[in-house]
Every structure is written in C-alpha cells, then in structure tokens.
Amino acid sequence: MTERLSEQHTVIMGCGAIGAAVATSLTSHGHVVHVLDSNTESFDRLPAGEMEGGRVVPILGDGAVQRDLIRAQIQDAAVFIALTNEDSRNALAAQIAKRIFKVPVVICRIEDPIKQRMYLSLDITAISASSLVTDMILDAASNGTS
C-alpha cells in the first residue's frame, strides 16, 4: 500500500445528481475528486472548469472493481463515497475501500434501514437519502405548526 499523498483526495462512485453535487462541493473545500461511473454521459453533470483544472477527474469504471478503484487512485484517498442507487454495489465498494485499501473515511448510501444499521457497526458511515428527506420534512412540518 502506498503512502497517502494527500489528505484531500476523495474517490466517489456514482455520478448521478448527488454524486456530481458532492464532487463539486468537495472541490470548493480543496479536495481533488476522482469520480467513477459506468456511464460516460453521467460525467456531463460535472463542471467543465473543474475537470479541465484537474480538480475533478472522471473515470469510466465500476467502484466495486478493484482495478477501477486503483485507476481512481483509491490507495491515496482519505475519503471514499459510494453514491449509486444500488445498495448492494455501494455496500460492496465501501467494504473494498475500507477493508482492502484502508481508506480512513468511507461513506455509503444505503436505503435499506436494516442494512444501514449493519454497515454502521462495520465502521462505515451509511447514509439514507430517504431518511434524511423524511427528517427534514418532519422538522419543517413541526416548525410550521409551532
């Protein structure tokens, strides 16, 4: 395993709306982000200026495949984020990043609440978009009725 070259290097699997937004936000905080997606058209969501400047690096591949993760320089990453809409792929990629490549911070989108609790126990931050939206709606509803 190589030494971590930058505490600011992040790998994201999934370049949907959330993945592209997270990649863009991270670059504004000093991260260099490698984004893996199996669909070339997904990279259209990424800002051209950030790609030209090398702050966002699109990589055609699958974050659940070790050779594609290596192409994304996972061995140098401080953060790995799995954001596809498939729980099983996100979970597999998160485990590979955490257990094989020893990425310190691993964040995984998991919609199934049972699986989410399981991955939290494995030192993988598991986030559910539906839970977050539900919490925001309940908060807004309770604030609107006060």
N, C-alpha and C. Protein backbone atom coordinates (compact mmCIF):
# COMPACT_ATOMS: atom_id res chain seq x y z
N MET A 1 0.84 -1.17 0.00
CA MET A 1 0.00 0.00 0.00
C MET A 1 0.89 1.23 0.00
N THR A 2 0.60 2.20 -0.85
CA THR A 2 1.42 3.40 -0.90
C THR A 2 0.99 4.38 0.19
N GLU A 3 1.89 5.28 0.52
CA GLU A 3 1.58 6.32 1.49
C GLU A 3 0.51 7.25 0.94
N ARG A 4 -0.36 7.71 1.77
CA ARG A 4 -1.41 8.65 1.34
C ARG A 4 -0.75 9.96 0.96
N LEU A 5 -0.91 10.32 -0.32
CA LEU A 5 -0.24 11.51 -0.83
C LEU A 5 -0.93 12.79 -0.42
N SER A 6 -2.24 12.74 -0.25
CA SER A 6 -2.98 13.95 0.05
C SER A 6 -4.15 13.64 0.95
N GLU A 7 -4.28 14.39 2.01
CA GLU A 7 -5.44 14.24 2.87
C GLU A 7 -6.69 14.80 2.20
N GLN A 8 -6.53 15.36 1.04
CA GLN A 8 -7.63 15.99 0.33
C GLN A 8 -8.13 15.16 -0.85
N HIS A 9 -7.64 13.96 -1.03
CA HIS A 9 -8.03 13.13 -2.17
C HIS A 9 -9.27 12.32 -1.83
N THR A 10 -10.30 12.42 -2.68
CA THR A 10 -11.56 11.72 -2.47
C THR A 10 -11.93 10.94 -3.73
N VAL A 11 -12.48 9.75 -3.54
CA VAL A 11 -13.00 8.96 -4.65
C VAL A 11 -14.50 8.81 -4.43
N ILE A 12 -15.26 9.12 -5.47
CA ILE A 12 -16.71 8.96 -5.43
C ILE A 12 -17.12 7.94 -6.48
N MET A 13 -17.95 6.98 -6.06
CA MET A 13 -18.54 6.04 -7.00
C MET A 13 -19.98 6.48 -7.25
N GLY A 14 -20.27 6.82 -8.49
CA GLY A 14 -21.62 7.24 -8.86
C GLY A 14 -21.65 8.72 -9.18
N CYS A 15 -21.99 9.03 -10.41
CA CYS A 15 -22.03 10.42 -10.85
C CYS A 15 -23.46 10.82 -11.24
N GLY A 16 -24.41 10.44 -10.39
CA GLY A 16 -25.77 10.93 -10.56
C GLY A 16 -25.83 12.35 -10.03
N ALA A 17 -27.03 12.83 -9.81
CA ALA A 17 -27.19 14.20 -9.33
C ALA A 17 -26.49 14.42 -8.00
N ILE A 18 -26.62 13.47 -7.08
CA ILE A 18 -25.98 13.62 -5.76
C ILE A 18 -24.47 13.51 -5.88
N GLY A 19 -23.97 12.52 -6.61
CA GLY A 19 -22.53 12.35 -6.77
C GLY A 19 -21.86 13.57 -7.39
N ALA A 20 -22.48 14.13 -8.43
CA ALA A 20 -21.92 15.32 -9.08
C ALA A 20 -21.95 16.52 -8.14
N ALA A 21 -23.04 16.69 -7.39
CA ALA A 21 -23.13 17.81 -6.46
C ALA A 21 -22.09 17.69 -5.34
N VAL A 22 -21.91 16.48 -4.82
CA VAL A 22 -20.92 16.26 -3.76
C VAL A 22 -19.51 16.51 -4.31
N ALA A 23 -19.22 16.01 -5.49
CA ALA A 23 -17.89 16.22 -6.10
C ALA A 23 -17.60 17.71 -6.26
N THR A 24 -18.58 18.44 -6.76
CA THR A 24 -18.41 19.88 -6.96
C THR A 24 -18.19 20.60 -5.64
N SER A 25 -18.98 20.25 -4.64
CA SER A 25 -18.83 20.89 -3.32
C SER A 25 -17.48 20.57 -2.69
N LEU A 26 -17.03 19.33 -2.82
CA LEU A 26 -15.74 18.96 -2.24
C LEU A 26 -14.58 19.72 -2.87
N THR A 27 -14.65 19.98 -4.17
CA THR A 27 -13.56 20.73 -4.80
C THR A 27 -13.46 22.14 -4.23
N SER A 28 -14.61 22.71 -3.86
CA SER A 28 -14.57 24.06 -3.28
C SER A 28 -13.97 24.05 -1.87
N HIS A 29 -13.84 22.87 -1.28
CA HIS A 29 -13.20 22.71 0.02
C HIS A 29 -11.78 22.16 -0.11
N GLY A 30 -11.21 22.21 -1.31
CA GLY A 30 -9.82 21.83 -1.50
C GLY A 30 -9.56 20.38 -1.87
N HIS A 31 -10.59 19.60 -2.08
CA HIS A 31 -10.40 18.20 -2.44
C HIS A 31 -10.13 18.05 -3.94
N VAL A 32 -9.34 17.05 -4.29
CA VAL A 32 -9.25 16.57 -5.66
C VAL A 32 -10.11 15.31 -5.67
N VAL A 33 -11.07 15.26 -6.59
CA VAL A 33 -12.06 14.20 -6.58
C VAL A 33 -11.99 13.37 -7.86
N HIS A 34 -11.82 12.07 -7.70
CA HIS A 34 -11.91 11.13 -8.81
C HIS A 34 -13.31 10.53 -8.75
N VAL A 35 -14.05 10.63 -9.85
CA VAL A 35 -15.43 10.16 -9.89
C VAL A 35 -15.52 8.97 -10.84
N LEU A 36 -15.97 7.84 -10.30
CA LEU A 36 -16.15 6.62 -11.09
C LEU A 36 -17.62 6.46 -11.45
N ASP A 37 -17.87 6.18 -12.72
CA ASP A 37 -19.22 5.85 -13.16
C ASP A 37 -19.10 4.97 -14.40
N SER A 38 -20.07 4.09 -14.57
CA SER A 38 -20.05 3.18 -15.73
C SER A 38 -20.73 3.78 -16.95
N ASN A 39 -21.28 4.98 -16.82
CA ASN A 39 -21.98 5.64 -17.91
C ASN A 39 -21.29 6.96 -18.24
N THR A 40 -20.68 7.05 -19.40
CA THR A 40 -19.95 8.26 -19.80
C THR A 40 -20.82 9.51 -19.75
N GLU A 41 -22.09 9.38 -20.11
CA GLU A 41 -22.98 10.54 -20.13
C GLU A 41 -23.18 11.14 -18.74
N SER A 42 -22.99 10.36 -17.70
CA SER A 42 -23.14 10.87 -16.34
C SER A 42 -22.15 12.00 -16.05
N PHE A 43 -21.00 11.96 -16.70
CA PHE A 43 -19.98 12.97 -16.45
C PHE A 43 -20.39 14.35 -16.98
N ASP A 44 -21.44 14.42 -17.78
CA ASP A 44 -21.95 15.71 -18.25
C ASP A 44 -22.42 16.58 -17.09
N ARG A 45 -22.73 15.97 -15.95
CA ARG A 45 -23.17 16.71 -14.77
C ARG A 45 -22.02 17.45 -14.07
N LEU A 46 -20.79 17.05 -14.36
CA LEU A 46 -19.63 17.64 -13.69
C LEU A 46 -19.25 18.97 -14.34
N PRO A 47 -18.79 19.93 -13.55
CA PRO A 47 -18.40 21.23 -14.11
C PRO A 47 -17.13 21.12 -14.96
N ALA A 48 -17.24 21.60 -16.19
CA ALA A 48 -16.12 21.50 -17.14
C ALA A 48 -14.86 22.17 -16.59
N GLY A 49 -15.02 23.30 -15.95
CA GLY A 49 -13.85 24.03 -15.42
C GLY A 49 -13.09 23.23 -14.38
N GLU A 50 -13.81 22.51 -13.54
CA GLU A 50 -13.15 21.69 -12.51
C GLU A 50 -12.44 20.49 -13.14
N MET A 51 -13.03 19.96 -14.22
CA MET A 51 -12.37 18.84 -14.90
C MET A 51 -11.13 19.32 -15.63
N GLU A 52 -11.24 20.45 -16.32
CA GLU A 52 -10.09 20.99 -17.04
C GLU A 52 -8.96 21.35 -16.09
N GLY A 53 -9.32 21.81 -14.90
CA GLY A 53 -8.31 22.17 -13.90
C GLY A 53 -7.77 20.99 -13.13
N GLY A 54 -8.29 19.79 -13.39
CA GLY A 54 -7.81 18.59 -12.73
C GLY A 54 -8.32 18.41 -11.31
N ARG A 55 -9.28 19.23 -10.88
CA ARG A 55 -9.85 19.10 -9.53
C ARG A 55 -10.88 17.97 -9.47
N VAL A 56 -11.54 17.71 -10.61
CA VAL A 56 -12.47 16.59 -10.74
C VAL A 56 -11.98 15.74 -11.90
N VAL A 57 -11.77 14.46 -11.63
CA VAL A 57 -11.25 13.55 -12.65
C VAL A 57 -12.29 12.45 -12.89
N PRO A 58 -12.96 12.49 -14.05
CA PRO A 58 -13.93 11.44 -14.35
C PRO A 58 -13.23 10.17 -14.82
N ILE A 59 -13.69 9.03 -14.33
CA ILE A 59 -13.10 7.75 -14.70
C ILE A 59 -14.22 6.77 -15.02
N LEU A 60 -14.20 6.28 -16.25
CA LEU A 60 -15.19 5.30 -16.66
C LEU A 60 -14.84 3.96 -16.01
N GLY A 61 -15.71 3.48 -15.14
CA GLY A 61 -15.43 2.24 -14.45
C GLY A 61 -16.44 1.97 -13.36
N ASP A 62 -16.17 0.93 -12.60
CA ASP A 62 -17.07 0.44 -11.56
C ASP A 62 -16.33 0.46 -10.23
N GLY A 63 -16.85 1.18 -9.27
CA GLY A 63 -16.21 1.30 -7.97
C GLY A 63 -16.21 0.02 -7.14
N ALA A 64 -16.87 -1.02 -7.63
CA ALA A 64 -16.85 -2.30 -6.95
C ALA A 64 -15.80 -3.23 -7.56
N VAL A 65 -15.03 -2.72 -8.50
CA VAL A 65 -13.98 -3.49 -9.18
C VAL A 65 -12.62 -2.90 -8.76
N GLN A 66 -11.77 -3.74 -8.19
CA GLN A 66 -10.50 -3.26 -7.64
C GLN A 66 -9.65 -2.52 -8.66
N ARG A 67 -9.54 -3.03 -9.88
CA ARG A 67 -8.66 -2.37 -10.86
C ARG A 67 -9.17 -0.97 -11.20
N ASP A 68 -10.50 -0.79 -11.21
CA ASP A 68 -11.05 0.54 -11.46
C ASP A 68 -10.81 1.47 -10.28
N LEU A 69 -10.89 0.93 -9.08
CA LEU A 69 -10.57 1.74 -7.90
C LEU A 69 -9.11 2.17 -7.91
N ILE A 70 -8.24 1.28 -8.33
CA ILE A 70 -6.81 1.63 -8.41
C ILE A 70 -6.59 2.72 -9.45
N ARG A 71 -7.31 2.64 -10.58
CA ARG A 71 -7.22 3.71 -11.59
C ARG A 71 -7.68 5.04 -11.02
N ALA A 72 -8.58 5.01 -10.04
CA ALA A 72 -9.08 6.22 -9.40
C ALA A 72 -8.18 6.64 -8.23
N GLN A 73 -7.06 5.96 -8.06
CA GLN A 73 -6.07 6.24 -7.03
C GLN A 73 -6.63 6.08 -5.61
N ILE A 74 -7.44 5.03 -5.42
CA ILE A 74 -8.03 4.75 -4.11
C ILE A 74 -6.96 4.59 -3.04
N GLN A 75 -5.80 4.08 -3.43
CA GLN A 75 -4.72 3.85 -2.46
C GLN A 75 -4.23 5.15 -1.84
N ASP A 76 -4.53 6.30 -2.44
CA ASP A 76 -4.12 7.60 -1.91
C ASP A 76 -5.29 8.38 -1.31
N ALA A 77 -6.46 7.79 -1.30
CA ALA A 77 -7.66 8.51 -0.88
C ALA A 77 -7.78 8.60 0.64
N ALA A 78 -8.24 9.74 1.10
CA ALA A 78 -8.59 9.93 2.51
C ALA A 78 -10.07 9.65 2.71
N VAL A 79 -10.85 9.76 1.62
CA VAL A 79 -12.29 9.57 1.70
C VAL A 79 -12.76 8.78 0.48
N PHE A 80 -13.69 7.84 0.72
CA PHE A 80 -14.37 7.13 -0.36
C PHE A 80 -15.86 7.26 -0.11
N ILE A 81 -16.62 7.60 -1.17
CA ILE A 81 -18.06 7.78 -1.05
C ILE A 81 -18.75 6.99 -2.15
N ALA A 82 -19.65 6.08 -1.77
CA ALA A 82 -20.41 5.27 -2.72
C ALA A 82 -21.83 5.84 -2.81
N LEU A 83 -22.19 6.37 -3.98
CA LEU A 83 -23.46 7.08 -4.13
C LEU A 83 -24.33 6.61 -5.29
N THR A 84 -24.19 5.37 -5.69
CA THR A 84 -25.08 4.88 -6.75
C THR A 84 -26.46 4.64 -6.13
N ASN A 85 -27.42 4.27 -6.96
CA ASN A 85 -28.76 3.98 -6.43
C ASN A 85 -28.94 2.49 -6.12
N GLU A 86 -27.83 1.76 -6.03
CA GLU A 86 -27.88 0.32 -5.74
C GLU A 86 -27.18 0.03 -4.42
N ASP A 87 -27.96 -0.31 -3.41
CA ASP A 87 -27.41 -0.61 -2.09
C ASP A 87 -26.30 -1.65 -2.13
N SER A 88 -26.53 -2.74 -2.86
CA SER A 88 -25.56 -3.84 -2.85
C SER A 88 -24.21 -3.41 -3.46
N ARG A 89 -24.24 -2.66 -4.54
CA ARG A 89 -22.98 -2.18 -5.15
C ARG A 89 -22.29 -1.19 -4.22
N ASN A 90 -23.06 -0.29 -3.62
CA ASN A 90 -22.48 0.68 -2.69
C ASN A 90 -21.82 -0.04 -1.52
N ALA A 91 -22.53 -1.03 -0.98
CA ALA A 91 -22.01 -1.76 0.17
C ALA A 91 -20.74 -2.53 -0.17
N LEU A 92 -20.72 -3.18 -1.32
CA LEU A 92 -19.53 -3.93 -1.75
C LEU A 92 -18.35 -2.99 -1.94
N ALA A 93 -18.56 -1.90 -2.64
CA ALA A 93 -17.48 -0.94 -2.88
C ALA A 93 -16.98 -0.33 -1.57
N ALA A 94 -17.89 -0.03 -0.66
CA ALA A 94 -17.49 0.54 0.63
C ALA A 94 -16.62 -0.44 1.42
N GLN A 95 -16.99 -1.71 1.40
CA GLN A 95 -16.20 -2.71 2.11
C GLN A 95 -14.81 -2.88 1.49
N ILE A 96 -14.74 -2.85 0.17
CA ILE A 96 -13.44 -2.94 -0.52
C ILE A 96 -12.56 -1.75 -0.13
N ALA A 97 -13.16 -0.55 -0.16
CA ALA A 97 -12.39 0.65 0.19
C ALA A 97 -11.90 0.59 1.63
N LYS A 98 -12.76 0.16 2.54
CA LYS A 98 -12.42 0.15 3.97
C LYS A 98 -11.47 -0.97 4.33
N ARG A 99 -11.76 -2.18 3.88
CA ARG A 99 -11.02 -3.35 4.33
C ARG A 99 -9.76 -3.63 3.51
N ILE A 100 -9.83 -3.46 2.20
CA ILE A 100 -8.67 -3.78 1.36
C ILE A 100 -7.73 -2.59 1.21
N PHE A 101 -8.32 -1.40 0.93
CA PHE A 101 -7.47 -0.23 0.67
C PHE A 101 -7.29 0.65 1.89
N LYS A 102 -7.95 0.31 3.00
CA LYS A 102 -7.77 1.01 4.28
C LYS A 102 -8.03 2.51 4.18
N VAL A 103 -9.05 2.89 3.40
CA VAL A 103 -9.42 4.30 3.31
C VAL A 103 -9.99 4.70 4.67
N PRO A 104 -9.48 5.79 5.26
CA PRO A 104 -9.90 6.15 6.62
C PRO A 104 -11.38 6.50 6.77
N VAL A 105 -11.92 7.24 5.80
CA VAL A 105 -13.33 7.65 5.88
C VAL A 105 -14.08 7.04 4.70
N VAL A 106 -15.07 6.20 5.01
CA VAL A 106 -15.88 5.57 3.98
C VAL A 106 -17.34 5.89 4.26
N ILE A 107 -17.99 6.45 3.25
CA ILE A 107 -19.39 6.86 3.35
C ILE A 107 -20.15 6.12 2.26
N CYS A 108 -21.29 5.56 2.64
CA CYS A 108 -22.01 4.68 1.73
C CYS A 108 -23.50 5.02 1.77
N ARG A 109 -24.09 5.21 0.60
CA ARG A 109 -25.53 5.43 0.52
C ARG A 109 -26.22 4.06 0.58
N ILE A 110 -27.01 3.87 1.63
CA ILE A 110 -27.76 2.62 1.83
C ILE A 110 -29.19 3.01 2.19
N GLU A 111 -30.14 2.61 1.38
CA GLU A 111 -31.54 2.97 1.63
C GLU A 111 -32.24 1.99 2.58
N ASP A 112 -31.84 0.74 2.59
CA ASP A 112 -32.46 -0.27 3.45
C ASP A 112 -32.03 -0.01 4.90
N PRO A 113 -32.97 0.29 5.82
CA PRO A 113 -32.59 0.64 7.19
C PRO A 113 -31.91 -0.50 7.95
N ILE A 114 -32.23 -1.74 7.66
CA ILE A 114 -31.57 -2.88 8.32
C ILE A 114 -30.11 -2.96 7.89
N LYS A 115 -29.88 -2.87 6.58
CA LYS A 115 -28.50 -2.88 6.08
C LYS A 115 -27.74 -1.66 6.58
N GLN A 116 -28.42 -0.53 6.66
CA GLN A 116 -27.78 0.69 7.12
C GLN A 116 -27.21 0.50 8.54
N ARG A 117 -27.98 -0.05 9.44
CA ARG A 117 -27.50 -0.29 10.81
C ARG A 117 -26.32 -1.26 10.81
N MET A 118 -26.37 -2.28 9.96
CA MET A 118 -25.29 -3.25 9.90
C MET A 118 -23.98 -2.58 9.48
N TYR A 119 -24.04 -1.76 8.44
CA TYR A 119 -22.81 -1.12 7.97
C TYR A 119 -22.28 -0.09 8.95
N LEU A 120 -23.16 0.56 9.68
CA LEU A 120 -22.70 1.47 10.72
C LEU A 120 -21.87 0.71 11.76
N SER A 121 -22.24 -0.53 12.04
CA SER A 121 -21.49 -1.33 13.01
C SER A 121 -20.14 -1.78 12.45
N LEU A 122 -19.94 -1.67 11.14
CA LEU A 122 -18.68 -2.06 10.50
C LEU A 122 -17.76 -0.86 10.27
N ASP A 123 -18.04 0.26 10.93
CA ASP A 123 -17.24 1.47 10.82
C ASP A 123 -17.32 2.10 9.42
N ILE A 124 -18.47 1.92 8.79
CA ILE A 124 -18.75 2.55 7.50
C ILE A 124 -19.94 3.47 7.73
N THR A 125 -19.78 4.75 7.40
CA THR A 125 -20.89 5.68 7.56
C THR A 125 -21.92 5.39 6.48
N ALA A 126 -23.09 4.93 6.92
CA ALA A 126 -24.16 4.57 5.99
C ALA A 126 -25.24 5.65 6.07
N ILE A 127 -25.53 6.24 4.92
CA ILE A 127 -26.49 7.34 4.86
C ILE A 127 -27.65 6.95 3.96
N SER A 128 -28.85 7.28 4.41
CA SER A 128 -30.05 7.01 3.63
C SER A 128 -30.66 8.34 3.20
N ALA A 129 -30.74 8.56 1.90
CA ALA A 129 -31.34 9.80 1.39
C ALA A 129 -32.79 9.90 1.82
N SER A 130 -33.52 8.80 1.80
CA SER A 130 -34.93 8.87 2.19
C SER A 130 -35.07 9.21 3.67
N SER A 131 -34.20 8.70 4.52
CA SER A 131 -34.25 9.04 5.95
C SER A 131 -33.94 10.52 6.16
N LEU A 132 -32.95 11.03 5.44
CA LEU A 132 -32.60 12.45 5.57
C LEU A 132 -33.75 13.34 5.12
N VAL A 133 -34.38 13.00 4.00
CA VAL A 133 -35.51 13.79 3.50
C VAL A 133 -36.68 13.70 4.47
N THR A 134 -36.95 12.51 4.98
CA THR A 134 -38.03 12.33 5.96
C THR A 134 -37.78 13.21 7.18
N ASP A 135 -36.55 13.18 7.71
CA ASP A 135 -36.21 14.00 8.87
C ASP A 135 -36.41 15.49 8.58
N MET A 136 -36.00 15.93 7.40
CA MET A 136 -36.15 17.34 7.03
C MET A 136 -37.62 17.73 6.92
N ILE A 137 -38.44 16.84 6.36
CA ILE A 137 -39.87 17.12 6.23
C ILE A 137 -40.52 17.19 7.61
N LEU A 138 -40.20 16.24 8.47
CA LEU A 138 -40.77 16.25 9.82
C LEU A 138 -40.35 17.51 10.59
N ASP A 139 -39.10 17.90 10.43
CA ASP A 139 -38.61 19.12 11.08
C ASP A 139 -39.35 20.35 10.54
N ALA A 140 -39.49 20.43 9.23
CA ALA A 140 -40.19 21.56 8.63
C ALA A 140 -41.66 21.59 9.04
N ALA A 141 -42.27 20.41 9.10
CA ALA A 141 -43.69 20.34 9.50
C ALA A 141 -43.87 20.76 10.94
N SER A 142 -42.96 20.33 11.82
CA SER A 142 -43.10 20.68 13.23
C SER A 142 -42.79 22.16 13.46
N ASN A 143 -41.88 22.73 12.68
CA ASN A 143 -41.57 24.15 12.79
C ASN A 143 -42.71 25.01 12.24
N GLY A 144 -43.41 24.46 11.26
CA GLY A 144 -44.52 25.21 10.66
C GLY A 144 -45.77 25.19 11.51
N THR A 145 -45.85 24.25 12.44
CA THR A 145 -47.05 24.14 13.27
C THR A 145 -46.85 24.69 14.67
N SER A 146 -45.68 25.25 14.96
CA SER A 146 -45.42 25.74 16.31
C SER A 146 -46.18 27.00 16.62
